[in-house]
Amino acid sequence: MNMALACFLAYVLGSIPNGLVFGKLLWHVDLREHGSHNIGATNAWRTLGKGPGFLIFLLDFLKGAISVYIGMKLGDTALACVLAGVFAIIGHSCSLFLKFKGGKGVATGLGVIVMMMPVPALLVFLVWLGVVKLSGYVSLGSIIAAAFVPVLAWQFGYPVEYIGFGIFAAAFIIIRHHANIGRLLSGTESKIKAGHR
């Protein structure tokens, strides 16, 4: 029962569309009408600037981290933490408040990984940062970094539940980037550039 409650709370928390709420509240901009039309941190960065982009990233990151904490407290097992993290990511990407649409789950997923596997999370972040710096493509960095999650979970000897989460998270994030993959292959993907609003 506690595990089910943790999953429910994680899904509701994950569903909060920070990019949409704070974009409208603070900057009077609906991110769904600009750039990639995504409510996540990357589109906020491109559309609104570095500060707003970082704020949205942090808030989405916290959704994942807090959800795992809820899983720890209510379930107190590796499986409870994993399921809470999974439901937070699903909530972010299939929001209860946006007719089951949403972001791609990268920032929320990183929040989950930091709580469950801090050292692999740091390495994944460094991989993401390195790819973005070298290529200029946030999507490429996210795809490659996601692929490293299950590998690092296995290399560092984490429980099988965490490795399973890594496989799920990698597959989910890569699938959510299917349109970006098409644009990367065709050479039409946009590089990261902060907005000037």
C-alpha atoms as a PDB file:
ATOM      1  CA  MET A   1       0.000   0.000   0.000  1.00  0.00           C
ATOM      2  CA  ASN A   2       2.833   2.398   0.892  1.00  0.00           C
ATOM      3  CA  MET A   3       4.546   1.627  -2.415  1.00  0.00           C
ATOM      4  CA  ALA A   4       1.359   2.386  -4.354  1.00  0.00           C
ATOM      5  CA  LEU A   5       1.002   5.687  -2.468  1.00  0.00           C
ATOM      6  CA  ALA A   6       4.626   6.576  -3.251  1.00  0.00           C
ATOM      7  CA  CYS A   7       4.046   5.899  -6.952  1.00  0.00           C
ATOM      8  CA  PHE A   8       0.859   7.983  -6.965  1.00  0.00           C
ATOM      9  CA  LEU A   9       2.531  10.933  -5.227  1.00  0.00           C
ATOM     10  CA  ALA A  10       5.550  10.682  -7.541  1.00  0.00           C
ATOM     11  CA  TYR A  11       3.309  10.706 -10.606  1.00  0.00           C
ATOM     12  CA  VAL A  12       1.371  13.769  -9.399  1.00  0.00           C
ATOM     13  CA  LEU A  13       4.606  15.573  -8.479  1.00  0.00           C
ATOM     14  CA  GLY A  14       6.170  14.639 -11.797  1.00  0.00           C
ATOM     15  CA  SER A  15       3.091  15.952 -13.599  1.00  0.00           C
ATOM     16  CA  ILE A  16       3.581  19.527 -12.391  1.00  0.00           C
ATOM     17  CA  PRO A  17       4.487  21.434 -15.605  1.00  0.00           C
ATOM     18  CA  ASN A  18       7.082  23.823 -14.183  1.00  0.00           C
ATOM     19  CA  GLY A  19       8.073  25.209 -17.569  1.00  0.00           C
ATOM     20  CA  LEU A  20       4.503  26.090 -18.430  1.00  0.00           C
ATOM     21  CA  VAL A  21       3.544  27.420 -14.982  1.00  0.00           C
ATOM     22  CA  PHE A  22       6.611  29.579 -14.367  1.00  0.00           C
ATOM     23  CA  GLY A  23       6.955  30.589 -18.007  1.00  0.00           C
ATOM     24  CA  LYS A  24       3.480  32.116 -17.839  1.00  0.00           C
ATOM     25  CA  LEU A  25       3.691  33.342 -14.248  1.00  0.00           C
ATOM     26  CA  LEU A  26       7.088  35.055 -14.363  1.00  0.00           C
ATOM     27  CA  TRP A  27       7.713  35.799 -18.054  1.00  0.00           C
ATOM     28  CA  HIS A  28       4.178  35.730 -19.522  1.00  0.00           C
ATOM     29  CA  VAL A  29       5.314  33.211 -22.146  1.00  0.00           C
ATOM     30  CA  ASP A  30       3.675  29.900 -23.042  1.00  0.00           C
ATOM     31  CA  LEU A  31       6.620  27.675 -23.969  1.00  0.00           C
ATOM     32  CA  ARG A  32       4.284  25.490 -26.015  1.00  0.00           C
ATOM     33  CA  GLU A  33       4.011  28.366 -28.513  1.00  0.00           C
ATOM     34  CA  HIS A  34       7.755  28.933 -28.971  1.00  0.00           C
ATOM     35  CA  GLY A  35      10.852  27.094 -30.186  1.00  0.00           C
ATOM     36  CA  SER A  36      10.439  23.333 -29.978  1.00  0.00           C
ATOM     37  CA  HIS A  37       7.037  23.810 -28.225  1.00  0.00           C
ATOM     38  CA  ASN A  38       8.398  21.704 -25.344  1.00  0.00           C
ATOM     39  CA  ILE A  39       7.868  22.754 -21.706  1.00  0.00           C
ATOM     40  CA  GLY A  40      11.305  21.563 -20.589  1.00  0.00           C
ATOM     41  CA  ALA A  41      14.488  23.372 -19.595  1.00  0.00           C
ATOM     42  CA  THR A  42      16.109  23.333 -23.046  1.00  0.00           C
ATOM     43  CA  ASN A  43      13.241  25.183 -24.692  1.00  0.00           C
ATOM     44  CA  ALA A  44      13.046  27.552 -21.707  1.00  0.00           C
ATOM     45  CA  TRP A  45      16.779  28.269 -22.151  1.00  0.00           C
ATOM     46  CA  ARG A  46      16.351  28.902 -25.878  1.00  0.00           C
ATOM     47  CA  THR A  47      13.185  30.957 -25.537  1.00  0.00           C
ATOM     48  CA  LEU A  48      13.591  32.823 -22.248  1.00  0.00           C
ATOM     49  CA  GLY A  49      17.329  32.818 -21.534  1.00  0.00           C
ATOM     50  CA  LYS A  50      19.881  31.140 -19.299  1.00  0.00           C
ATOM     51  CA  GLY A  51      18.371  32.102 -15.936  1.00  0.00           C
ATOM     52  CA  PRO A  52      14.851  30.873 -16.695  1.00  0.00           C
ATOM     53  CA  GLY A  53      16.285  27.778 -18.364  1.00  0.00           C
ATOM     54  CA  PHE A  54      18.317  26.925 -15.268  1.00  0.00           C
ATOM     55  CA  LEU A  55      15.314  27.551 -12.986  1.00  0.00           C
ATOM     56  CA  ILE A  56      13.111  25.182 -14.979  1.00  0.00           C
ATOM     57  CA  PHE A  57      15.914  22.597 -15.027  1.00  0.00           C
ATOM     58  CA  LEU A  58      16.296  22.823 -11.238  1.00  0.00           C
ATOM     59  CA  LEU A  59      12.559  22.546 -10.580  1.00  0.00           C
ATOM     60  CA  ASP A  60      12.208  19.548 -12.905  1.00  0.00           C
ATOM     61  CA  PHE A  61      15.321  17.979 -11.345  1.00  0.00           C
ATOM     62  CA  LEU A  62      13.776  18.347  -7.886  1.00  0.00           C
ATOM     63  CA  LYS A  63      10.628  16.524  -9.012  1.00  0.00           C
ATOM     64  CA  GLY A  64      12.719  13.428  -9.624  1.00  0.00           C
ATOM     65  CA  ALA A  65      14.845  13.764  -6.486  1.00  0.00           C
ATOM     66  CA  ILE A  66      11.885  14.363  -4.168  1.00  0.00           C
ATOM     67  CA  SER A  67       9.969  11.463  -5.705  1.00  0.00           C
ATOM     68  CA  VAL A  68      12.789   9.039  -4.909  1.00  0.00           C
ATOM     69  CA  TYR A  69      12.928  10.447  -1.370  1.00  0.00           C
ATOM     70  CA  ILE A  70       9.199   9.735  -1.053  1.00  0.00           C
ATOM     71  CA  GLY A  71       9.860   6.188  -2.240  1.00  0.00           C
ATOM     72  CA  MET A  72      12.611   5.791   0.357  1.00  0.00           C
ATOM     73  CA  LYS A  73      10.399   6.997   3.188  1.00  0.00           C
ATOM     74  CA  LEU A  74       7.201   5.183   2.273  1.00  0.00           C
ATOM     75  CA  GLY A  75       8.570   1.997   0.730  1.00  0.00           C
ATOM     76  CA  ASP A  76      12.087   1.750   2.131  1.00  0.00           C
ATOM     77  CA  THR A  77      13.196  -0.685  -0.580  1.00  0.00           C
ATOM     78  CA  ALA A  78      15.212  -0.403  -3.790  1.00  0.00           C
ATOM     79  CA  LEU A  79      12.088  -1.307  -5.772  1.00  0.00           C
ATOM     80  CA  ALA A  80      10.045   1.469  -4.106  1.00  0.00           C
ATOM     81  CA  CYS A  81      12.714   4.043  -4.998  1.00  0.00           C
ATOM     82  CA  VAL A  82      12.885   2.797  -8.575  1.00  0.00           C
ATOM     83  CA  LEU A  83       9.118   2.788  -9.080  1.00  0.00           C
ATOM     84  CA  ALA A  84       8.747   6.258  -7.565  1.00  0.00           C
ATOM     85  CA  GLY A  85      11.459   7.486  -9.935  1.00  0.00           C
ATOM     86  CA  VAL A  86       9.798   5.830 -12.914  1.00  0.00           C
ATOM     87  CA  PHE A  87       6.424   7.395 -12.101  1.00  0.00           C
ATOM     88  CA  ALA A  88       8.025  10.831 -11.678  1.00  0.00           C
ATOM     89  CA  ILE A  89       9.536  10.585 -15.170  1.00  0.00           C
ATOM     90  CA  ILE A  90       6.269   9.312 -16.630  1.00  0.00           C
ATOM     91  CA  GLY A  91       4.417  12.140 -14.883  1.00  0.00           C
ATOM     92  CA  HIS A  92       6.768  14.734 -16.353  1.00  0.00           C
ATOM     93  CA  SER A  93       6.406  13.314 -19.862  1.00  0.00           C
ATOM     94  CA  CYS A  94       2.711  12.368 -19.677  1.00  0.00           C
ATOM     95  CA  SER A  95       1.400  15.047 -17.329  1.00  0.00           C
ATOM     96  CA  LEU A  96      -1.905  14.642 -15.592  1.00  0.00           C
ATOM     97  CA  PHE A  97      -2.399  18.404 -16.053  1.00  0.00           C
ATOM     98  CA  LEU A  98      -1.540  18.585 -19.776  1.00  0.00           C
ATOM     99  CA  LYS A  99      -3.770  15.874 -21.237  1.00  0.00           C
ATOM    100  CA  PHE A 100      -0.934  13.358 -20.790  1.00  0.00           C
ATOM    101  CA  LYS A 101       1.608  15.377 -22.747  1.00  0.00           C
ATOM    102  CA  GLY A 102       4.800  16.904 -21.380  1.00  0.00           C
ATOM    103  CA  GLY A 103       8.577  17.112 -21.521  1.00  0.00           C
ATOM    104  CA  LYS A 104      11.207  14.535 -22.352  1.00  0.00           C
ATOM    105  CA  GLY A 105      12.173  13.584 -18.804  1.00  0.00           C
ATOM    106  CA  VAL A 106      15.888  14.386 -18.857  1.00  0.00           C
ATOM    107  CA  ALA A 107      16.091  16.805 -15.902  1.00  0.00           C
ATOM    108  CA  THR A 108      13.593  14.788 -13.856  1.00  0.00           C
ATOM    109  CA  GLY A 109      15.479  11.603 -14.709  1.00  0.00           C
ATOM    110  CA  LEU A 110      18.752  13.160 -13.582  1.00  0.00           C
ATOM    111  CA  GLY A 111      17.120  14.043 -10.252  1.00  0.00           C
ATOM    112  CA  VAL A 112      16.109  10.403  -9.852  1.00  0.00           C
ATOM    113  CA  ILE A 113      19.586   9.125 -10.683  1.00  0.00           C
ATOM    114  CA  VAL A 114      21.326  11.577  -8.327  1.00  0.00           C
ATOM    115  CA  MET A 115      19.249  10.275  -5.410  1.00  0.00           C
ATOM    116  CA  MET A 116      19.731   6.611  -6.286  1.00  0.00           C
ATOM    117  CA  MET A 117      23.236   6.519  -7.761  1.00  0.00           C
ATOM    118  CA  PRO A 118      25.178   9.743  -7.045  1.00  0.00           C
ATOM    119  CA  VAL A 119      28.549   8.821  -8.578  1.00  0.00           C
ATOM    120  CA  PRO A 120      27.107   7.414 -11.838  1.00  0.00           C
ATOM    121  CA  ALA A 121      24.843  10.488 -11.958  1.00  0.00           C
ATOM    122  CA  LEU A 122      27.887  12.758 -11.828  1.00  0.00           C
ATOM    123  CA  LEU A 123      29.562  10.784 -14.610  1.00  0.00           C
ATOM    124  CA  VAL A 124      26.381  10.844 -16.708  1.00  0.00           C
ATOM    125  CA  PHE A 125      26.158  14.607 -16.246  1.00  0.00           C
ATOM    126  CA  LEU A 126      29.795  15.023 -17.309  1.00  0.00           C
ATOM    127  CA  VAL A 127      29.143  12.906 -20.418  1.00  0.00           C
ATOM    128  CA  TRP A 128      26.108  15.067 -21.229  1.00  0.00           C
ATOM    129  CA  LEU A 129      28.068  18.269 -20.664  1.00  0.00           C
ATOM    130  CA  GLY A 130      30.994  17.088 -22.766  1.00  0.00           C
ATOM    131  CA  VAL A 131      28.810  16.080 -25.714  1.00  0.00           C
ATOM    132  CA  VAL A 132      26.829  19.332 -25.570  1.00  0.00           C
ATOM    133  CA  LYS A 133      30.008  21.426 -25.375  1.00  0.00           C
ATOM    134  CA  LEU A 134      31.615  19.607 -28.297  1.00  0.00           C
ATOM    135  CA  SER A 135      28.572  19.283 -30.552  1.00  0.00           C
ATOM    136  CA  GLY A 136      26.228  22.066 -29.454  1.00  0.00           C
ATOM    137  CA  TYR A 137      23.320  19.590 -29.443  1.00  0.00           C
ATOM    138  CA  VAL A 138      21.487  19.127 -26.131  1.00  0.00           C
ATOM    139  CA  SER A 139      19.453  16.287 -27.611  1.00  0.00           C
ATOM    140  CA  LEU A 140      22.578  14.350 -28.634  1.00  0.00           C
ATOM    141  CA  GLY A 141      24.065  14.835 -25.168  1.00  0.00           C
ATOM    142  CA  SER A 142      20.845  13.604 -23.551  1.00  0.00           C
ATOM    143  CA  ILE A 143      20.648  10.508 -25.775  1.00  0.00           C
ATOM    144  CA  ILE A 144      24.277   9.494 -25.226  1.00  0.00           C
ATOM    145  CA  ALA A 145      24.197  10.243 -21.490  1.00  0.00           C
ATOM    146  CA  ALA A 146      20.996   8.212 -21.071  1.00  0.00           C
ATOM    147  CA  ALA A 147      22.633   5.214 -22.748  1.00  0.00           C
ATOM    148  CA  PHE A 148      25.396   5.294 -20.132  1.00  0.00           C
ATOM    149  CA  VAL A 149      23.023   5.014 -17.143  1.00  0.00           C
ATOM    150  CA  PRO A 150      22.460   1.220 -17.124  1.00  0.00           C
ATOM    151  CA  VAL A 151      26.106   0.574 -18.019  1.00  0.00           C
ATOM    152  CA  LEU A 152      27.357   2.639 -15.077  1.00  0.00           C
ATOM    153  CA  ALA A 153      24.747   1.157 -12.720  1.00  0.00           C
ATOM    154  CA  TRP A 154      26.095  -2.293 -13.603  1.00  0.00           C
ATOM    155  CA  GLN A 155      29.748  -1.239 -13.433  1.00  0.00           C
ATOM    156  CA  PHE A 156      29.306   0.235  -9.947  1.00  0.00           C
ATOM    157  CA  GLY A 157      27.543  -2.866  -8.655  1.00  0.00           C
ATOM    158  CA  TYR A 158      24.138  -1.382  -7.940  1.00  0.00           C
ATOM    159  CA  PRO A 159      21.135  -3.679  -7.268  1.00  0.00           C
ATOM    160  CA  VAL A 160      19.393  -5.262 -10.219  1.00  0.00           C
ATOM    161  CA  GLU A 161      16.412  -2.964  -9.644  1.00  0.00           C
ATOM    162  CA  TYR A 162      18.629   0.065 -10.290  1.00  0.00           C
ATOM    163  CA  ILE A 163      20.108  -1.507 -13.410  1.00  0.00           C
ATOM    164  CA  GLY A 164      16.563  -2.200 -14.600  1.00  0.00           C
ATOM    165  CA  PHE A 165      15.706   1.427 -13.950  1.00  0.00           C
ATOM    166  CA  GLY A 166      18.735   2.465 -15.991  1.00  0.00           C
ATOM    167  CA  ILE A 167      17.548   0.385 -18.936  1.00  0.00           C
ATOM    168  CA  PHE A 168      14.023   1.827 -18.652  1.00  0.00           C
ATOM    169  CA  ALA A 169      15.252   5.420 -18.329  1.00  0.00           C
ATOM    170  CA  ALA A 170      17.643   5.085 -21.266  1.00  0.00           C
ATOM    171  CA  ALA A 171      14.988   3.543 -23.518  1.00  0.00           C
ATOM    172  CA  PHE A 172      12.317   6.031 -22.444  1.00  0.00           C
ATOM    173  CA  ILE A 173      14.474   9.113 -22.978  1.00  0.00           C
ATOM    174  CA  ILE A 174      15.831   7.893 -26.310  1.00  0.00           C
ATOM    175  CA  ILE A 175      12.302   7.133 -27.537  1.00  0.00           C
ATOM    176  CA  ARG A 176      11.116  10.571 -26.361  1.00  0.00           C
ATOM    177  CA  HIS A 177      13.897  12.042 -28.534  1.00  0.00           C
ATOM    178  CA  HIS A 178      12.830  10.200 -31.702  1.00  0.00           C
ATOM    179  CA  ALA A 179      12.025  13.448 -33.521  1.00  0.00           C
ATOM    180  CA  ASN A 180      15.381  14.898 -32.480  1.00  0.00           C
ATOM    181  CA  ILE A 181      17.155  11.808 -33.770  1.00  0.00           C
ATOM    182  CA  GLY A 182      15.506  12.338 -37.146  1.00  0.00           C
ATOM    183  CA  ARG A 183      16.629  15.966 -37.206  1.00  0.00           C
ATOM    184  CA  LEU A 184      20.150  15.043 -36.109  1.00  0.00           C
ATOM    185  CA  LEU A 185      20.409  12.546 -38.962  1.00  0.00           C
ATOM    186  CA  SER A 186      19.072  15.073 -41.473  1.00  0.00           C
ATOM    187  CA  GLY A 187      21.255  17.908 -40.162  1.00  0.00           C
ATOM    188  CA  THR A 188      18.298  20.124 -39.203  1.00  0.00           C
ATOM    189  CA  GLU A 189      18.521  19.874 -35.399  1.00  0.00           C
ATOM    190  CA  SER A 190      18.906  23.224 -33.604  1.00  0.00           C
ATOM    191  CA  LYS A 191      22.011  23.875 -31.515  1.00  0.00           C
ATOM    192  CA  ILE A 192      21.734  25.263 -27.995  1.00  0.00           C
ATOM    193  CA  LYS A 193      21.546  29.020 -27.802  1.00  0.00           C
ATOM    194  CA  ALA A 194      20.103  31.070 -24.973  1.00  0.00           C
ATOM    195  CA  GLY A 195      17.151  33.286 -25.787  1.00  0.00           C
ATOM    196  CA  HIS A 196      17.144  37.037 -25.455  1.00  0.00           C
ATOM    197  CA  ARG A 197      13.669  37.730 -24.132  1.00  0.00           C
END
